[in-house]
């Protein structure tokens, strides 16, 4: 039985992603950037044709082709959420794979600039831990 998550977005299309497959890794194929590869691979893993997915996502087929071929990337929060929901992929991974902070986090950090200092401290600690691990493996 197909999963009907997001029917308001999907309209008549129901892309069947079993809940147990959500946010699981997808083998990447095609494309020239990780985001395009992730989207294409997830779409193909679902057996969904490009025109069918483009319509469900609210894109033109040519725009989806540009994303999958790596000539465009998704930067919008709403678009990223819609694509992640339709494909059953991790929303954050959709942005971080192209070295972008997810838009909802950027907005939150802009509203809470004091959090940037905490984030910087966390980064420094993580860098220190990574360096120590690297030293022990040498």
N, C-alpha and C. Protein backbone atom coordinates (compact mmCIF):
# COMPACT_ATOMS: atom_id res chain seq x y z
N UNK A 1 0.84 -1.18 0.00
CA UNK A 1 0.00 0.00 0.00
C UNK A 1 0.88 1.24 0.00
N UNK A 2 0.67 2.19 -0.91
CA UNK A 2 1.54 3.35 -0.98
C UNK A 2 1.40 4.25 0.24
N UNK A 3 2.51 4.88 0.57
CA UNK A 3 2.51 5.86 1.66
C UNK A 3 1.91 7.14 1.11
N UNK A 4 0.97 7.73 1.82
CA UNK A 4 0.28 8.91 1.31
C UNK A 4 0.68 10.18 2.06
N UNK A 5 1.89 10.20 2.62
CA UNK A 5 2.36 11.41 3.30
C UNK A 5 2.33 12.57 2.33
N UNK A 6 1.87 13.71 2.82
CA UNK A 6 1.93 14.91 2.01
C UNK A 6 0.96 14.93 0.86
N UNK A 7 -0.21 14.29 0.98
CA UNK A 7 -1.16 14.27 -0.13
C UNK A 7 -1.54 15.67 -0.60
N UNK A 8 -1.53 16.65 0.29
CA UNK A 8 -1.86 18.01 -0.12
C UNK A 8 -0.84 18.50 -1.15
N UNK A 9 0.39 18.06 -1.02
CA UNK A 9 1.43 18.44 -1.98
C UNK A 9 1.37 17.57 -3.23
N UNK A 10 1.01 16.31 -3.04
CA UNK A 10 1.10 15.36 -4.13
C UNK A 10 -0.08 15.41 -5.08
N UNK A 11 -1.23 15.88 -4.62
CA UNK A 11 -2.41 15.84 -5.47
C UNK A 11 -2.71 14.40 -5.83
N UNK A 12 -2.93 14.11 -7.10
CA UNK A 12 -3.28 12.74 -7.48
C UNK A 12 -2.11 11.77 -7.43
N UNK A 13 -0.88 12.27 -7.37
CA UNK A 13 0.30 11.40 -7.35
C UNK A 13 0.58 10.94 -5.94
N UNK A 14 0.83 9.68 -5.77
CA UNK A 14 1.24 9.15 -4.48
C UNK A 14 2.52 8.37 -4.69
N UNK A 15 3.61 8.94 -4.23
CA UNK A 15 4.89 8.27 -4.36
C UNK A 15 5.03 7.37 -3.14
N UNK A 16 5.20 6.08 -3.37
CA UNK A 16 5.19 5.12 -2.27
C UNK A 16 6.52 4.94 -1.60
N UNK A 17 6.77 5.66 -0.54
CA UNK A 17 7.98 5.49 0.24
C UNK A 17 7.57 4.85 1.56
N UNK A 18 7.91 3.59 1.78
CA UNK A 18 7.58 2.98 3.07
C UNK A 18 8.24 3.79 4.19
N UNK A 19 7.56 4.01 5.32
CA UNK A 19 8.13 4.79 6.41
C UNK A 19 9.49 4.28 6.86
N UNK A 20 9.76 3.00 6.75
CA UNK A 20 11.04 2.45 7.19
C UNK A 20 12.18 2.87 6.27
N UNK A 21 11.88 3.37 5.08
CA UNK A 21 12.93 3.79 4.16
C UNK A 21 13.25 5.27 4.28
N UNK A 22 12.48 6.02 5.05
CA UNK A 22 12.70 7.45 5.14
C UNK A 22 14.09 7.76 5.65
N UNK A 23 14.73 8.74 5.03
CA UNK A 23 16.04 9.25 5.42
C UNK A 23 17.14 8.20 5.41
N UNK A 24 16.96 7.12 4.70
CA UNK A 24 18.01 6.13 4.57
C UNK A 24 18.90 6.52 3.38
N UNK A 25 20.16 6.11 3.40
CA UNK A 25 21.05 6.46 2.30
C UNK A 25 20.56 5.90 0.96
N UNK A 26 20.81 6.67 -0.08
CA UNK A 26 20.44 6.27 -1.44
C UNK A 26 21.73 6.21 -2.24
N UNK A 27 21.91 5.19 -3.06
CA UNK A 27 23.11 5.09 -3.91
C UNK A 27 23.03 6.20 -4.95
N UNK A 28 24.06 7.05 -5.02
CA UNK A 28 24.03 8.21 -5.91
C UNK A 28 24.43 7.83 -7.33
N UNK A 29 23.66 8.35 -8.30
CA UNK A 29 23.97 8.16 -9.71
C UNK A 29 23.73 9.46 -10.45
N UNK A 30 24.45 9.68 -11.52
CA UNK A 30 24.23 10.84 -12.38
C UNK A 30 24.49 12.17 -11.70
N UNK A 31 24.19 13.26 -12.42
CA UNK A 31 24.34 14.61 -11.88
C UNK A 31 25.78 15.01 -11.68
N UNK A 32 25.99 16.32 -11.45
CA UNK A 32 27.34 16.81 -11.25
C UNK A 32 27.52 17.49 -9.91
N UNK A 33 26.49 17.54 -9.09
CA UNK A 33 26.65 18.01 -7.72
C UNK A 33 25.91 17.05 -6.81
N UNK A 34 26.30 17.00 -5.55
CA UNK A 34 25.69 16.01 -4.66
C UNK A 34 24.18 16.17 -4.50
N UNK A 35 23.68 17.40 -4.51
CA UNK A 35 22.24 17.58 -4.36
C UNK A 35 21.48 17.01 -5.55
N UNK A 36 21.94 17.32 -6.74
CA UNK A 36 21.31 16.77 -7.94
C UNK A 36 21.38 15.26 -7.97
N UNK A 37 22.54 14.72 -7.56
CA UNK A 37 22.70 13.26 -7.51
C UNK A 37 21.74 12.65 -6.50
N UNK A 38 21.62 13.28 -5.34
CA UNK A 38 20.74 12.77 -4.29
C UNK A 38 19.29 12.75 -4.77
N UNK A 39 18.85 13.83 -5.38
CA UNK A 39 17.47 13.93 -5.85
C UNK A 39 17.21 12.91 -6.96
N UNK A 40 18.10 12.85 -7.94
CA UNK A 40 17.91 11.90 -9.04
C UNK A 40 17.90 10.46 -8.53
N UNK A 41 18.85 10.14 -7.68
CA UNK A 41 18.96 8.77 -7.17
C UNK A 41 17.72 8.37 -6.38
N UNK A 42 17.24 9.27 -5.53
CA UNK A 42 16.04 8.97 -4.73
C UNK A 42 14.81 8.84 -5.63
N UNK A 43 14.70 9.71 -6.61
CA UNK A 43 13.56 9.66 -7.54
C UNK A 43 13.58 8.35 -8.32
N UNK A 44 14.75 7.98 -8.82
CA UNK A 44 14.85 6.73 -9.59
C UNK A 44 14.64 5.50 -8.70
N UNK A 45 15.09 5.58 -7.45
CA UNK A 45 14.89 4.45 -6.53
C UNK A 45 13.40 4.22 -6.27
N UNK A 46 12.63 5.29 -6.35
CA UNK A 46 11.18 5.17 -6.18
C UNK A 46 10.49 4.74 -7.48
N UNK A 47 11.24 4.75 -8.57
CA UNK A 47 10.66 4.38 -9.86
C UNK A 47 9.76 5.47 -10.42
N UNK A 48 10.03 6.71 -10.06
CA UNK A 48 9.21 7.84 -10.49
C UNK A 48 9.88 8.54 -11.68
N UNK A 49 9.13 8.73 -12.73
CA UNK A 49 9.65 9.40 -13.93
C UNK A 49 9.84 10.89 -13.63
N UNK A 50 10.79 11.49 -14.34
CA UNK A 50 11.08 12.91 -14.14
C UNK A 50 9.83 13.79 -14.32
N UNK A 51 9.04 13.62 -15.38
CA UNK A 51 7.85 14.48 -15.53
C UNK A 51 6.85 14.32 -14.38
N UNK A 52 6.68 13.10 -13.92
CA UNK A 52 5.74 12.83 -12.82
C UNK A 52 6.21 13.52 -11.54
N UNK A 53 7.51 13.40 -11.24
CA UNK A 53 8.03 14.03 -10.03
C UNK A 53 8.02 15.55 -10.15
N UNK A 54 8.39 16.06 -11.31
CA UNK A 54 8.40 17.51 -11.50
C UNK A 54 7.02 18.10 -11.22
N UNK A 55 6.00 17.43 -11.73
CA UNK A 55 4.63 17.91 -11.51
C UNK A 55 4.28 17.88 -10.03
N UNK A 56 4.61 16.78 -9.34
CA UNK A 56 4.31 16.65 -7.91
C UNK A 56 5.05 17.70 -7.09
N UNK A 57 6.28 18.02 -7.50
CA UNK A 57 7.10 18.98 -6.76
C UNK A 57 6.79 20.43 -7.13
N UNK A 58 6.01 20.62 -8.18
CA UNK A 58 5.68 21.98 -8.61
C UNK A 58 6.74 22.62 -9.47
N UNK A 59 7.55 21.80 -10.14
CA UNK A 59 8.61 22.29 -11.03
C UNK A 59 8.23 22.04 -12.47
N UNK A 60 8.89 22.74 -13.35
CA UNK A 60 8.83 22.33 -14.76
C UNK A 60 9.83 21.19 -14.91
N UNK A 61 9.64 20.39 -15.92
CA UNK A 61 10.57 19.28 -16.18
C UNK A 61 11.96 19.82 -16.46
N UNK A 62 12.05 20.93 -17.18
CA UNK A 62 13.37 21.49 -17.50
C UNK A 62 14.09 21.99 -16.24
N UNK A 63 13.34 22.56 -15.30
CA UNK A 63 13.97 23.02 -14.05
C UNK A 63 14.48 21.82 -13.25
N UNK A 64 13.68 20.76 -13.15
CA UNK A 64 14.12 19.55 -12.45
C UNK A 64 15.35 18.96 -13.12
N UNK A 65 15.37 18.95 -14.45
CA UNK A 65 16.54 18.44 -15.17
C UNK A 65 17.78 19.27 -14.80
N UNK A 66 17.64 20.59 -14.72
CA UNK A 66 18.78 21.44 -14.35
C UNK A 66 19.27 21.13 -12.94
N UNK A 67 18.34 20.87 -12.03
CA UNK A 67 18.74 20.50 -10.66
C UNK A 67 19.48 19.17 -10.67
N UNK A 68 18.89 18.18 -11.32
CA UNK A 68 19.50 16.84 -11.34
C UNK A 68 20.82 16.82 -12.09
N UNK A 69 20.96 17.68 -13.09
CA UNK A 69 22.21 17.73 -13.86
C UNK A 69 23.26 18.63 -13.20
N UNK A 70 22.90 19.25 -12.06
CA UNK A 70 23.87 20.05 -11.33
C UNK A 70 24.02 21.48 -11.79
N UNK A 71 23.13 21.95 -12.64
CA UNK A 71 23.22 23.34 -13.11
C UNK A 71 22.47 24.30 -12.20
N UNK A 72 21.61 23.78 -11.34
CA UNK A 72 20.86 24.58 -10.36
C UNK A 72 20.88 23.81 -9.05
N UNK A 73 20.72 24.53 -7.94
CA UNK A 73 20.54 23.85 -6.66
C UNK A 73 19.31 24.44 -5.98
N UNK A 74 18.73 23.66 -5.10
CA UNK A 74 17.58 24.12 -4.33
C UNK A 74 18.11 24.93 -3.16
N UNK A 75 17.60 26.15 -3.00
CA UNK A 75 18.02 27.00 -1.90
C UNK A 75 16.85 27.40 -1.01
N UNK A 76 15.63 27.19 -1.46
CA UNK A 76 14.43 27.61 -0.74
C UNK A 76 14.02 26.59 0.31
N UNK A 77 13.63 27.08 1.47
CA UNK A 77 13.17 26.22 2.55
C UNK A 77 11.93 25.42 2.13
N UNK A 78 10.93 26.10 1.58
CA UNK A 78 9.69 25.41 1.18
C UNK A 78 9.96 24.35 0.12
N UNK A 79 10.76 24.70 -0.88
CA UNK A 79 11.07 23.74 -1.94
C UNK A 79 11.85 22.55 -1.39
N UNK A 80 12.83 22.82 -0.53
CA UNK A 80 13.60 21.75 0.08
C UNK A 80 12.73 20.81 0.89
N UNK A 81 11.82 21.37 1.66
CA UNK A 81 10.92 20.53 2.47
C UNK A 81 10.01 19.68 1.58
N UNK A 82 9.50 20.28 0.52
CA UNK A 82 8.60 19.56 -0.38
C UNK A 82 9.34 18.40 -1.05
N UNK A 83 10.53 18.67 -1.56
CA UNK A 83 11.32 17.63 -2.23
C UNK A 83 11.70 16.52 -1.25
N UNK A 84 12.15 16.90 -0.05
CA UNK A 84 12.53 15.90 0.95
C UNK A 84 11.33 15.03 1.33
N UNK A 85 10.17 15.63 1.48
CA UNK A 85 8.97 14.88 1.83
C UNK A 85 8.58 13.91 0.71
N UNK A 86 8.57 14.41 -0.51
CA UNK A 86 8.17 13.57 -1.64
C UNK A 86 9.11 12.39 -1.86
N UNK A 87 10.40 12.63 -1.64
CA UNK A 87 11.38 11.57 -1.91
C UNK A 87 11.73 10.75 -0.68
N UNK A 88 11.31 11.20 0.49
CA UNK A 88 11.65 10.47 1.71
C UNK A 88 13.12 10.57 2.04
N UNK A 89 13.72 11.74 1.76
CA UNK A 89 15.14 11.95 2.06
C UNK A 89 15.28 12.97 3.17
N UNK A 90 16.44 13.02 3.77
CA UNK A 90 16.71 13.92 4.88
C UNK A 90 16.79 15.37 4.39
N UNK A 91 15.97 16.22 4.99
CA UNK A 91 15.92 17.64 4.62
C UNK A 91 17.28 18.32 4.79
N UNK A 92 17.93 18.11 5.93
CA UNK A 92 19.22 18.75 6.17
C UNK A 92 20.27 18.31 5.15
N UNK A 93 20.28 17.01 4.82
CA UNK A 93 21.25 16.49 3.86
C UNK A 93 21.09 17.14 2.50
N UNK A 94 19.86 17.52 2.16
CA UNK A 94 19.59 18.15 0.87
C UNK A 94 20.39 19.44 0.72
N UNK A 95 20.63 20.14 1.82
CA UNK A 95 21.37 21.40 1.79
C UNK A 95 22.84 21.20 2.13
N UNK A 96 23.12 20.40 3.17
CA UNK A 96 24.51 20.27 3.59
C UNK A 96 25.38 19.57 2.56
N UNK A 97 24.77 18.76 1.69
CA UNK A 97 25.58 18.09 0.67
C UNK A 97 26.15 19.08 -0.34
N UNK A 98 25.60 20.30 -0.41
CA UNK A 98 26.15 21.33 -1.29
C UNK A 98 26.70 22.50 -0.46
N UNK A 99 27.13 22.16 0.78
CA UNK A 99 27.79 23.11 1.68
C UNK A 99 26.94 24.34 1.98
N UNK A 100 25.65 24.12 2.18
CA UNK A 100 24.74 25.20 2.56
C UNK A 100 24.08 24.85 3.88
N UNK A 101 23.84 25.86 4.67
CA UNK A 101 23.10 25.66 5.91
C UNK A 101 21.62 25.68 5.54
N UNK A 102 20.85 24.72 6.05
CA UNK A 102 19.42 24.73 5.74
C UNK A 102 18.78 26.07 6.08
N UNK A 103 17.93 26.59 5.20
CA UNK A 103 17.37 27.94 5.37
C UNK A 103 16.68 28.19 6.70
N UNK A 104 16.02 27.19 7.27
CA UNK A 104 15.35 27.42 8.55
C UNK A 104 16.37 27.70 9.65
N UNK A 105 17.56 27.08 9.58
CA UNK A 105 18.60 27.34 10.57
C UNK A 105 19.24 28.70 10.36
N UNK A 106 19.41 29.11 9.12
CA UNK A 106 19.95 30.45 8.84
C UNK A 106 19.02 31.50 9.43
N UNK A 107 17.73 31.34 9.19
CA UNK A 107 16.75 32.30 9.72
C UNK A 107 16.80 32.34 11.25
N UNK A 108 16.89 31.15 11.87
CA UNK A 108 16.94 31.09 13.33
C UNK A 108 18.21 31.76 13.85
N UNK A 109 19.35 31.49 13.22
CA UNK A 109 20.61 32.11 13.65
C UNK A 109 20.57 33.63 13.48
N UNK A 110 19.88 34.11 12.47
CA UNK A 110 19.75 35.56 12.29
C UNK A 110 18.93 36.17 13.41
N UNK A 111 17.94 35.44 13.90
CA UNK A 111 17.11 35.93 15.00
C UNK A 111 17.81 35.78 16.35
N UNK A 112 18.79 34.88 16.43
CA UNK A 112 19.49 34.59 17.68
C UNK A 112 21.01 34.66 17.47
N UNK A 113 21.55 35.84 17.24
CA UNK A 113 22.99 35.94 16.94
C UNK A 113 23.87 35.45 18.09
N UNK A 114 23.35 35.45 19.32
CA UNK A 114 24.13 34.95 20.45
C UNK A 114 24.44 33.46 20.28
N UNK A 115 23.62 32.75 19.53
CA UNK A 115 23.83 31.33 19.31
C UNK A 115 25.05 31.06 18.43
N UNK A 116 25.45 32.05 17.64
CA UNK A 116 26.61 31.87 16.77
C UNK A 116 27.86 31.62 17.60
N UNK A 117 27.99 32.31 18.73
CA UNK A 117 29.15 32.09 19.60
C UNK A 117 29.17 30.66 20.13
N UNK A 118 28.01 30.15 20.51
CA UNK A 118 27.94 28.76 20.99
C UNK A 118 28.29 27.79 19.87
N UNK A 119 27.81 28.07 18.69
CA UNK A 119 28.10 27.23 17.54
C UNK A 119 29.60 27.25 17.23
N UNK A 120 30.21 28.41 17.33
CA UNK A 120 31.66 28.54 17.09
C UNK A 120 32.43 27.73 18.13
N UNK A 121 32.01 27.79 19.39
CA UNK A 121 32.66 27.04 20.45
C UNK A 121 32.52 25.53 20.20
N UNK A 122 31.33 25.11 19.80
CA UNK A 122 31.09 23.71 19.49
C UNK A 122 32.00 23.26 18.35
N UNK A 123 32.12 24.09 17.31
CA UNK A 123 32.98 23.76 16.16
C UNK A 123 34.43 23.59 16.62
N UNK A 124 34.90 24.51 17.46
CA UNK A 124 36.27 24.43 17.95
C UNK A 124 36.49 23.13 18.71
N UNK A 125 35.54 22.76 19.56
CA UNK A 125 35.66 21.51 20.32
C UNK A 125 35.67 20.30 19.39
N UNK A 126 34.80 20.31 18.40
CA UNK A 126 34.75 19.18 17.46
C UNK A 126 36.03 19.09 16.64
N UNK A 127 36.58 20.24 16.24
CA UNK A 127 37.85 20.24 15.51
C UNK A 127 38.97 19.67 16.37
N UNK A 128 38.96 20.02 17.66
CA UNK A 128 39.97 19.51 18.58
C UNK A 128 39.86 17.99 18.74
N UNK A 129 38.64 17.50 18.87
CA UNK A 129 38.42 16.06 18.98
C UNK A 129 38.86 15.34 17.72
N UNK A 130 38.52 15.91 16.55
CA UNK A 130 38.91 15.30 15.28
C UNK A 130 40.44 15.26 15.15
N UNK A 131 41.10 16.34 15.55
CA UNK A 131 42.56 16.39 15.46
C UNK A 131 43.19 15.35 16.39
N UNK A 132 42.63 15.19 17.58
CA UNK A 132 43.17 14.20 18.53
C UNK A 132 42.99 12.79 17.99
N UNK A 133 41.85 12.51 17.39
CA UNK A 133 41.62 11.19 16.78
C UNK A 133 42.60 10.94 15.65
N UNK A 134 42.85 11.97 14.86
CA UNK A 134 43.78 11.85 13.73
C UNK A 134 45.19 11.55 14.24
N UNK A 135 45.57 12.21 15.33
CA UNK A 135 46.90 11.99 15.92
C UNK A 135 47.06 10.56 16.42
N UNK A 136 46.00 9.98 16.98
CA UNK A 136 46.09 8.63 17.51
C UNK A 136 46.12 7.57 16.42
N UNK A 137 45.68 7.91 15.22
CA UNK A 137 45.69 6.93 14.13
C UNK A 137 46.98 6.97 13.33
N UNK A 138 47.84 7.89 13.66
CA UNK A 138 49.12 7.99 12.92
C UNK A 138 50.16 7.10 13.49
